[in-house]
Amino acid sequence: MTDLFILIKKELTEQWRTKKILIMIIVFLFVAISSPIFAKLTPELLKGLSVQGMKIELPTPTYLDALDQIIKNISQIALLVLVFVVAGAVSDEKNKKTLEILLTKPISRTNFILSKFFSNYISLGLVFISSMILFYLYTISLFKTFSLANFVIMSAVVLLYIFMIISITILASTIVKSSIASGAVGFVSFIVFGTVFGMIDVIKRFSPNLIFSDYKGVIANGYIQELNEPIIIILLVTTASIILAVNLFNRQEIER
């Protein structure tokens, strides 16, 4: 266990040195700050674009519009950036051919792979939580206050989804040697869970992407039962990704 903590610390240091954490911070700060601003200003901008003689009636923006914006920005911008940030988690180490030296030390392959998952969970989790706190405070300063407890539930569920996509990407990085290829796998998994699941009625209620479409129900009512199946799928896929990555890496030959 001590070896695992040491490896996690090493990974976090490396993420900071290579500016990966900085990229996460910039992306999520942009999402957190821009979402309520766009929600507030969009109606005014559209009014300014109105044609002379044509009156455009737009509803007064609310905190729900800000939530719409941040959910769209997370699912369409932040997630894709994160996929390619973590895509080289294992494959880059293989290409640098530093693994043999590292693994000749009293470090198990299992702990090495686990450190890749947990270090990204920690860094991403801290950045995500900080950005959502900032978003909430900024949104209630522009609009009226809404349930903090329900917002925390929504944020926690979204974070689980992000962890799932990141886990699939790290699994892909364990299998392939190219960070571009592993990033592509992460992107495809995002498309599959976001689109394909929703197109098939039989499995539609299991779609992890329901987290992004049912968030208003969570904000209004707290945790809703419709999220049970998507969350189970998310946890199963995340756990399976970790187990598969560990098992596959333990069987791989490390190139010199």
C-alpha atoms as a PDB file:
ATOM      1  CA  MET A   1       0.000   0.000   0.000  1.00  0.00           C
ATOM      2  CA  THR A   2       2.922   2.340   0.739  1.00  0.00           C
ATOM      3  CA  ASP A   3       4.232   1.735  -2.786  1.00  0.00           C
ATOM      4  CA  LEU A   4       0.845   2.699  -4.201  1.00  0.00           C
ATOM      5  CA  PHE A   5       0.815   6.001  -2.292  1.00  0.00           C
ATOM      6  CA  ILE A   6       4.346   6.758  -3.481  1.00  0.00           C
ATOM      7  CA  LEU A   7       3.360   6.061  -7.085  1.00  0.00           C
ATOM      8  CA  ILE A   8       0.227   8.207  -6.807  1.00  0.00           C
ATOM      9  CA  LYS A   9       2.337  11.077  -5.461  1.00  0.00           C
ATOM     10  CA  LYS A  10       4.784  10.582  -8.346  1.00  0.00           C
ATOM     11  CA  GLU A  11       1.938  10.630 -10.859  1.00  0.00           C
ATOM     12  CA  LEU A  12       0.421  13.804  -9.403  1.00  0.00           C
ATOM     13  CA  THR A  13       3.835  15.490  -9.503  1.00  0.00           C
ATOM     14  CA  GLU A  14       4.266  14.403 -13.116  1.00  0.00           C
ATOM     15  CA  GLN A  15       0.798  15.686 -14.030  1.00  0.00           C
ATOM     16  CA  TRP A  16       1.728  19.072 -12.601  1.00  0.00           C
ATOM     17  CA  ARG A  17       5.138  19.104 -14.307  1.00  0.00           C
ATOM     18  CA  THR A  18       3.645  18.278 -17.698  1.00  0.00           C
ATOM     19  CA  LYS A  19       0.915  20.910 -17.270  1.00  0.00           C
ATOM     20  CA  LYS A  20      -1.898  18.319 -17.402  1.00  0.00           C
ATOM     21  CA  ILE A  21      -3.409  19.560 -14.146  1.00  0.00           C
ATOM     22  CA  LEU A  22      -3.076  23.133 -15.406  1.00  0.00           C
ATOM     23  CA  ILE A  23      -5.028  22.206 -18.548  1.00  0.00           C
ATOM     24  CA  MET A  24      -7.768  20.664 -16.386  1.00  0.00           C
ATOM     25  CA  ILE A  25      -7.906  23.818 -14.255  1.00  0.00           C
ATOM     26  CA  ILE A  26      -8.130  26.136 -17.270  1.00  0.00           C
ATOM     27  CA  VAL A  27     -10.853  24.072 -18.961  1.00  0.00           C
ATOM     28  CA  PHE A  28     -13.052  23.725 -15.889  1.00  0.00           C
ATOM     29  CA  LEU A  29     -12.552  27.330 -14.778  1.00  0.00           C
ATOM     30  CA  PHE A  30     -13.667  28.442 -18.228  1.00  0.00           C
ATOM     31  CA  VAL A  31     -16.724  26.180 -18.043  1.00  0.00           C
ATOM     32  CA  ALA A  32     -17.602  27.291 -14.507  1.00  0.00           C
ATOM     33  CA  ILE A  33     -17.317  31.019 -15.197  1.00  0.00           C
ATOM     34  CA  SER A  34     -18.584  31.224 -18.776  1.00  0.00           C
ATOM     35  CA  SER A  35     -21.733  29.129 -18.271  1.00  0.00           C
ATOM     36  CA  PRO A  36     -23.654  31.577 -16.028  1.00  0.00           C
ATOM     37  CA  ILE A  37     -22.312  34.532 -18.016  1.00  0.00           C
ATOM     38  CA  PHE A  38     -23.589  33.123 -21.319  1.00  0.00           C
ATOM     39  CA  ALA A  39     -26.920  32.268 -19.704  1.00  0.00           C
ATOM     40  CA  LYS A  40     -27.260  35.828 -18.436  1.00  0.00           C
ATOM     41  CA  LEU A  41     -26.120  37.657 -21.565  1.00  0.00           C
ATOM     42  CA  THR A  42     -27.499  35.516 -24.402  1.00  0.00           C
ATOM     43  CA  PRO A  43     -31.030  37.038 -24.336  1.00  0.00           C
ATOM     44  CA  GLU A  44     -29.562  40.547 -24.452  1.00  0.00           C
ATOM     45  CA  LEU A  45     -27.262  39.608 -27.331  1.00  0.00           C
ATOM     46  CA  LEU A  46     -30.159  38.115 -29.280  1.00  0.00           C
ATOM     47  CA  LYS A  47     -32.229  41.244 -28.700  1.00  0.00           C
ATOM     48  CA  GLY A  48     -29.370  43.292 -30.111  1.00  0.00           C
ATOM     49  CA  LEU A  49     -29.434  41.185 -33.267  1.00  0.00           C
ATOM     50  CA  SER A  50     -33.160  41.668 -33.834  1.00  0.00           C
ATOM     51  CA  VAL A  51     -34.237  43.053 -37.193  1.00  0.00           C
ATOM     52  CA  GLN A  52     -35.813  46.496 -37.221  1.00  0.00           C
ATOM     53  CA  GLY A  53     -39.561  46.185 -36.879  1.00  0.00           C
ATOM     54  CA  MET A  54     -39.329  42.644 -35.556  1.00  0.00           C
ATOM     55  CA  LYS A  55     -39.832  42.261 -31.833  1.00  0.00           C
ATOM     56  CA  ILE A  56     -38.169  39.259 -30.212  1.00  0.00           C
ATOM     57  CA  GLU A  57     -39.715  38.127 -26.941  1.00  0.00           C
ATOM     58  CA  LEU A  58     -37.296  36.093 -24.835  1.00  0.00           C
ATOM     59  CA  PRO A  59     -37.928  34.654 -21.380  1.00  0.00           C
ATOM     60  CA  THR A  60     -35.958  36.089 -18.493  1.00  0.00           C
ATOM     61  CA  PRO A  61     -32.903  33.869 -17.932  1.00  0.00           C
ATOM     62  CA  THR A  62     -32.781  31.828 -14.708  1.00  0.00           C
ATOM     63  CA  TYR A  63     -30.317  29.576 -12.912  1.00  0.00           C
ATOM     64  CA  LEU A  64     -31.719  26.699 -14.996  1.00  0.00           C
ATOM     65  CA  ASP A  65     -30.247  28.326 -18.098  1.00  0.00           C
ATOM     66  CA  ALA A  66     -26.868  28.456 -16.368  1.00  0.00           C
ATOM     67  CA  LEU A  67     -27.211  24.753 -15.512  1.00  0.00           C
ATOM     68  CA  ASP A  68     -28.089  24.033 -19.153  1.00  0.00           C
ATOM     69  CA  GLN A  69     -24.903  25.767 -20.203  1.00  0.00           C
ATOM     70  CA  ILE A  70     -22.568  24.004 -17.786  1.00  0.00           C
ATOM     71  CA  ILE A  71     -23.992  20.560 -18.565  1.00  0.00           C
ATOM     72  CA  LYS A  72     -23.522  21.198 -22.297  1.00  0.00           C
ATOM     73  CA  ASN A  73     -20.022  22.566 -21.782  1.00  0.00           C
ATOM     74  CA  ILE A  74     -18.949  19.638 -19.604  1.00  0.00           C
ATOM     75  CA  SER A  75     -20.370  17.000 -21.935  1.00  0.00           C
ATOM     76  CA  GLN A  76     -19.256  18.645 -25.180  1.00  0.00           C
ATOM     77  CA  ILE A  77     -16.003  20.430 -24.314  1.00  0.00           C
ATOM     78  CA  ALA A  78     -14.486  19.455 -20.977  1.00  0.00           C
ATOM     79  CA  LEU A  79     -14.917  15.699 -21.403  1.00  0.00           C
ATOM     80  CA  LEU A  80     -13.262  15.629 -24.813  1.00  0.00           C
ATOM     81  CA  VAL A  81     -10.302  17.658 -23.566  1.00  0.00           C
ATOM     82  CA  LEU A  82      -9.920  15.377 -20.542  1.00  0.00           C
ATOM     83  CA  VAL A  83      -9.945  12.255 -22.715  1.00  0.00           C
ATOM     84  CA  PHE A  84      -6.904  13.454 -24.630  1.00  0.00           C
ATOM     85  CA  VAL A  85      -5.195  14.754 -21.477  1.00  0.00           C
ATOM     86  CA  VAL A  86      -5.198  11.270 -19.913  1.00  0.00           C
ATOM     87  CA  ALA A  87      -4.883   9.314 -23.179  1.00  0.00           C
ATOM     88  CA  GLY A  88      -1.143   8.807 -22.773  1.00  0.00           C
ATOM     89  CA  ALA A  89      -1.269   7.713 -19.136  1.00  0.00           C
ATOM     90  CA  VAL A  90       0.276   4.303 -19.854  1.00  0.00           C
ATOM     91  CA  SER A  91       1.112   4.359 -23.569  1.00  0.00           C
ATOM     92  CA  ASP A  92       3.503   7.308 -23.171  1.00  0.00           C
ATOM     93  CA  GLU A  93       5.425   5.381 -20.510  1.00  0.00           C
ATOM     94  CA  LYS A  94       5.742   2.452 -22.921  1.00  0.00           C
ATOM     95  CA  ASN A  95       7.012   4.680 -25.719  1.00  0.00           C
ATOM     96  CA  LYS A  96       9.612   6.316 -23.471  1.00  0.00           C
ATOM     97  CA  LYS A  97      10.760   2.796 -22.540  1.00  0.00           C
ATOM     98  CA  THR A  98      11.133   3.792 -18.877  1.00  0.00           C
ATOM     99  CA  LEU A  99       8.836   1.073 -17.600  1.00  0.00           C
ATOM    100  CA  GLU A 100      11.508  -1.608 -17.348  1.00  0.00           C
ATOM    101  CA  ILE A 101      13.645   0.551 -15.076  1.00  0.00           C
ATOM    102  CA  LEU A 102      10.677   1.523 -12.930  1.00  0.00           C
ATOM    103  CA  LEU A 103       9.329  -2.002 -12.616  1.00  0.00           C
ATOM    104  CA  THR A 104      12.710  -3.502 -11.681  1.00  0.00           C
ATOM    105  CA  LYS A 105      12.321  -1.688  -8.393  1.00  0.00           C
ATOM    106  CA  PRO A 106      10.148  -3.328  -5.712  1.00  0.00           C
ATOM    107  CA  ILE A 107       7.030  -1.969  -7.411  1.00  0.00           C
ATOM    108  CA  SER A 108       4.238  -4.239  -8.556  1.00  0.00           C
ATOM    109  CA  ARG A 109       2.620  -3.839 -11.937  1.00  0.00           C
ATOM    110  CA  THR A 110      -0.767  -3.786 -10.233  1.00  0.00           C
ATOM    111  CA  ASN A 111       0.165  -0.774  -8.106  1.00  0.00           C
ATOM    112  CA  PHE A 112       1.632   0.944 -11.158  1.00  0.00           C
ATOM    113  CA  ILE A 113      -1.643   0.702 -13.087  1.00  0.00           C
ATOM    114  CA  LEU A 114      -3.776   1.540 -10.048  1.00  0.00           C
ATOM    115  CA  SER A 115      -1.713   4.697  -9.517  1.00  0.00           C
ATOM    116  CA  LYS A 116      -2.630   5.807 -13.044  1.00  0.00           C
ATOM    117  CA  PHE A 117      -6.331   5.514 -12.264  1.00  0.00           C
ATOM    118  CA  PHE A 118      -6.314   6.945  -8.741  1.00  0.00           C
ATOM    119  CA  SER A 119      -4.002   9.882  -9.488  1.00  0.00           C
ATOM    120  CA  ASN A 120      -6.304  11.000 -12.299  1.00  0.00           C
ATOM    121  CA  TYR A 121      -9.363  10.521 -10.090  1.00  0.00           C
ATOM    122  CA  ILE A 122      -7.748  12.700  -7.404  1.00  0.00           C
ATOM    123  CA  SER A 123      -6.550  15.529  -9.654  1.00  0.00           C
ATOM    124  CA  LEU A 124      -9.694  15.590 -11.765  1.00  0.00           C
ATOM    125  CA  GLY A 125     -11.935  15.266  -8.715  1.00  0.00           C
ATOM    126  CA  LEU A 126     -10.324  18.225  -6.951  1.00  0.00           C
ATOM    127  CA  VAL A 127     -10.445  20.407 -10.066  1.00  0.00           C
ATOM    128  CA  PHE A 128     -14.045  19.426 -10.815  1.00  0.00           C
ATOM    129  CA  ILE A 129     -15.281  20.019  -7.251  1.00  0.00           C
ATOM    130  CA  SER A 130     -13.541  23.403  -7.066  1.00  0.00           C
ATOM    131  CA  SER A 131     -15.017  24.497 -10.394  1.00  0.00           C
ATOM    132  CA  MET A 132     -18.536  23.404  -9.420  1.00  0.00           C
ATOM    133  CA  ILE A 133     -18.278  25.345  -6.147  1.00  0.00           C
ATOM    134  CA  LEU A 134     -17.221  28.400  -8.148  1.00  0.00           C
ATOM    135  CA  PHE A 135     -20.067  27.851 -10.616  1.00  0.00           C
ATOM    136  CA  TYR A 136     -22.656  27.579  -7.840  1.00  0.00           C
ATOM    137  CA  LEU A 137     -21.479  30.733  -6.052  1.00  0.00           C
ATOM    138  CA  TYR A 138     -21.309  32.738  -9.267  1.00  0.00           C
ATOM    139  CA  THR A 139     -24.702  31.486 -10.462  1.00  0.00           C
ATOM    140  CA  ILE A 140     -26.548  32.375  -7.251  1.00  0.00           C
ATOM    141  CA  SER A 141     -24.916  35.811  -7.368  1.00  0.00           C
ATOM    142  CA  LEU A 142     -26.413  36.380 -10.836  1.00  0.00           C
ATOM    143  CA  PHE A 143     -29.704  34.538 -10.327  1.00  0.00           C
ATOM    144  CA  LYS A 144     -31.705  33.351  -7.353  1.00  0.00           C
ATOM    145  CA  THR A 145     -30.504  30.725  -4.888  1.00  0.00           C
ATOM    146  CA  PHE A 146     -31.324  27.085  -5.625  1.00  0.00           C
ATOM    147  CA  SER A 147     -30.874  23.882  -3.644  1.00  0.00           C
ATOM    148  CA  LEU A 148     -27.220  23.317  -2.765  1.00  0.00           C
ATOM    149  CA  ALA A 149     -27.918  19.733  -1.655  1.00  0.00           C
ATOM    150  CA  ASN A 150     -29.522  18.841  -4.990  1.00  0.00           C
ATOM    151  CA  PHE A 151     -26.705  20.563  -6.865  1.00  0.00           C
ATOM    152  CA  VAL A 152     -24.163  18.469  -4.942  1.00  0.00           C
ATOM    153  CA  ILE A 153     -26.054  15.291  -5.908  1.00  0.00           C
ATOM    154  CA  MET A 154     -26.102  16.333  -9.562  1.00  0.00           C
ATOM    155  CA  SER A 155     -22.392  17.170  -9.491  1.00  0.00           C
ATOM    156  CA  ALA A 156     -21.491  13.858  -7.840  1.00  0.00           C
ATOM    157  CA  VAL A 157     -23.365  11.886 -10.495  1.00  0.00           C
ATOM    158  CA  VAL A 158     -21.726  13.852 -13.316  1.00  0.00           C
ATOM    159  CA  LEU A 159     -18.313  13.218 -11.741  1.00  0.00           C
ATOM    160  CA  LEU A 160     -18.998   9.469 -11.716  1.00  0.00           C
ATOM    161  CA  TYR A 161     -19.732   9.642 -15.445  1.00  0.00           C
ATOM    162  CA  ILE A 162     -16.486  11.521 -16.080  1.00  0.00           C
ATOM    163  CA  PHE A 163     -14.563   8.908 -14.067  1.00  0.00           C
ATOM    164  CA  MET A 164     -16.075   6.190 -16.256  1.00  0.00           C
ATOM    165  CA  ILE A 165     -14.946   7.805 -19.515  1.00  0.00           C
ATOM    166  CA  ILE A 166     -11.486   8.479 -18.066  1.00  0.00           C
ATOM    167  CA  SER A 167     -11.254   4.854 -16.888  1.00  0.00           C
ATOM    168  CA  ILE A 168     -12.065   3.546 -20.365  1.00  0.00           C
ATOM    169  CA  THR A 169      -9.407   5.853 -21.818  1.00  0.00           C
ATOM    170  CA  ILE A 170      -6.748   4.630 -19.367  1.00  0.00           C
ATOM    171  CA  LEU A 171      -7.713   1.035 -20.169  1.00  0.00           C
ATOM    172  CA  ALA A 172      -7.221   1.821 -23.859  1.00  0.00           C
ATOM    173  CA  SER A 173      -3.875   3.434 -23.040  1.00  0.00           C
ATOM    174  CA  THR A 174      -2.853   0.177 -21.363  1.00  0.00           C
ATOM    175  CA  ILE A 175      -3.736  -1.856 -24.451  1.00  0.00           C
ATOM    176  CA  VAL A 176      -2.371   0.329 -27.268  1.00  0.00           C
ATOM    177  CA  LYS A 177       0.939   2.129 -27.710  1.00  0.00           C
ATOM    178  CA  SER A 178      -0.433   5.372 -29.119  1.00  0.00           C
ATOM    179  CA  SER A 179      -1.975   8.120 -27.018  1.00  0.00           C
ATOM    180  CA  ILE A 180      -3.946   9.207 -30.095  1.00  0.00           C
ATOM    181  CA  ALA A 181      -5.462   5.734 -30.409  1.00  0.00           C
ATOM    182  CA  SER A 182      -6.372   5.561 -26.719  1.00  0.00           C
ATOM    183  CA  GLY A 183      -7.858   9.047 -26.940  1.00  0.00           C
ATOM    184  CA  ALA A 184      -9.904   7.912 -29.927  1.00  0.00           C
ATOM    185  CA  VAL A 185     -11.206   4.942 -27.919  1.00  0.00           C
ATOM    186  CA  GLY A 186     -12.234   7.298 -25.113  1.00  0.00           C
ATOM    187  CA  PHE A 187     -13.985   9.536 -27.634  1.00  0.00           C
ATOM    188  CA  VAL A 188     -15.797   6.583 -29.225  1.00  0.00           C
ATOM    189  CA  SER A 189     -16.932   5.332 -25.804  1.00  0.00           C
ATOM    190  CA  PHE A 190     -18.357   8.790 -25.150  1.00  0.00           C
ATOM    191  CA  ILE A 191     -20.290   8.589 -28.434  1.00  0.00           C
ATOM    192  CA  VAL A 192     -21.485   5.042 -27.751  1.00  0.00           C
ATOM    193  CA  PHE A 193     -22.772   5.774 -24.251  1.00  0.00           C
ATOM    194  CA  GLY A 194     -24.129   9.136 -25.315  1.00  0.00           C
ATOM    195  CA  THR A 195     -25.837   8.197 -28.572  1.00  0.00           C
ATOM    196  CA  VAL A 196     -26.100   4.477 -29.280  1.00  0.00           C
ATOM    197  CA  PHE A 197     -27.589   3.605 -25.883  1.00  0.00           C
ATOM    198  CA  GLY A 198     -30.217   6.292 -26.335  1.00  0.00           C
ATOM    199  CA  MET A 199     -31.257   4.990 -29.756  1.00  0.00           C
ATOM    200  CA  ILE A 200     -32.167   1.483 -28.578  1.00  0.00           C
ATOM    201  CA  ASP A 201     -35.409   1.495 -26.593  1.00  0.00           C
ATOM    202  CA  VAL A 202     -34.704  -1.785 -24.780  1.00  0.00           C
ATOM    203  CA  ILE A 203     -31.522  -0.462 -23.136  1.00  0.00           C
ATOM    204  CA  LYS A 204     -32.297   3.248 -23.185  1.00  0.00           C
ATOM    205  CA  ARG A 205     -33.026   3.397 -19.449  1.00  0.00           C
ATOM    206  CA  PHE A 206     -29.542   1.980 -18.760  1.00  0.00           C
ATOM    207  CA  SER A 207     -27.793   4.726 -20.726  1.00  0.00           C
ATOM    208  CA  PRO A 208     -25.182   6.549 -18.602  1.00  0.00           C
ATOM    209  CA  ASN A 209     -25.918   9.628 -20.674  1.00  0.00           C
ATOM    210  CA  LEU A 210     -29.302   9.958 -18.913  1.00  0.00           C
ATOM    211  CA  ILE A 211     -27.286  11.684 -16.211  1.00  0.00           C
ATOM    212  CA  PHE A 212     -26.955  14.660 -18.536  1.00  0.00           C
ATOM    213  CA  SER A 213     -30.598  14.646 -19.645  1.00  0.00           C
ATOM    214  CA  ASP A 214     -32.206  14.057 -16.220  1.00  0.00           C
ATOM    215  CA  TYR A 215     -30.224  16.644 -14.268  1.00  0.00           C
ATOM    216  CA  LYS A 216     -33.189  19.036 -14.013  1.00  0.00           C
ATOM    217  CA  GLY A 217     -35.133  16.349 -12.184  1.00  0.00           C
ATOM    218  CA  VAL A 218     -32.257  16.041  -9.718  1.00  0.00           C
ATOM    219  CA  ILE A 219     -32.086  19.804  -9.199  1.00  0.00           C
ATOM    220  CA  ALA A 220     -35.838  19.948  -8.588  1.00  0.00           C
ATOM    221  CA  ASN A 221     -36.332  16.800  -6.510  1.00  0.00           C
ATOM    222  CA  GLY A 222     -32.957  15.512  -5.356  1.00  0.00           C
ATOM    223  CA  TYR A 223     -31.896  11.989  -6.240  1.00  0.00           C
ATOM    224  CA  ILE A 224     -34.364  10.339  -8.633  1.00  0.00           C
ATOM    225  CA  GLN A 225     -34.909   6.609  -9.161  1.00  0.00           C
ATOM    226  CA  GLU A 226     -34.411   6.903 -12.925  1.00  0.00           C
ATOM    227  CA  LEU A 227     -30.680   7.253 -12.269  1.00  0.00           C
ATOM    228  CA  ASN A 228     -30.341   3.852 -10.576  1.00  0.00           C
ATOM    229  CA  GLU A 229     -29.668   1.858 -13.743  1.00  0.00           C
ATOM    230  CA  PRO A 230     -27.291   4.412 -15.353  1.00  0.00           C
ATOM    231  CA  ILE A 231     -25.252   4.661 -12.149  1.00  0.00           C
ATOM    232  CA  ILE A 232     -25.014   0.862 -11.877  1.00  0.00           C
ATOM    233  CA  ILE A 233     -23.733   0.726 -15.469  1.00  0.00           C
ATOM    234  CA  ILE A 234     -21.236   3.506 -14.756  1.00  0.00           C
ATOM    235  CA  LEU A 235     -19.870   1.734 -11.671  1.00  0.00           C
ATOM    236  CA  LEU A 236     -19.684  -1.608 -13.487  1.00  0.00           C
ATOM    237  CA  VAL A 237     -17.871  -0.150 -16.503  1.00  0.00           C
ATOM    238  CA  THR A 238     -15.455   1.817 -14.301  1.00  0.00           C
ATOM    239  CA  THR A 239     -14.658  -1.215 -12.137  1.00  0.00           C
ATOM    240  CA  ALA A 240     -14.314  -3.484 -15.175  1.00  0.00           C
ATOM    241  CA  SER A 241     -11.921  -1.000 -16.808  1.00  0.00           C
ATOM    242  CA  ILE A 242      -9.658  -1.028 -13.751  1.00  0.00           C
ATOM    243  CA  ILE A 243      -9.684  -4.831 -13.424  1.00  0.00           C
ATOM    244  CA  LEU A 244      -9.058  -5.369 -17.146  1.00  0.00           C
ATOM    245  CA  ALA A 245      -6.233  -2.823 -17.220  1.00  0.00           C
ATOM    246  CA  VAL A 246      -4.506  -4.488 -14.254  1.00  0.00           C
ATOM    247  CA  ASN A 247      -4.856  -7.997 -15.693  1.00  0.00           C
ATOM    248  CA  LEU A 248      -3.767  -7.044 -19.196  1.00  0.00           C
ATOM    249  CA  PHE A 249      -0.769  -5.043 -18.005  1.00  0.00           C
ATOM    250  CA  ASN A 250       0.373  -7.893 -15.761  1.00  0.00           C
ATOM    251  CA  ARG A 251       0.528 -10.139 -18.856  1.00  0.00           C
ATOM    252  CA  GLN A 252       2.254  -7.691 -21.184  1.00  0.00           C
ATOM    253  CA  GLU A 253       5.927  -7.904 -22.080  1.00  0.00           C
ATOM    254  CA  ILE A 254       7.741  -4.642 -21.476  1.00  0.00           C
ATOM    255  CA  GLU A 255       9.897  -3.562 -24.408  1.00  0.00           C
ATOM    256  CA  ARG A 256      13.446  -2.465 -23.699  1.00  0.00           C
END
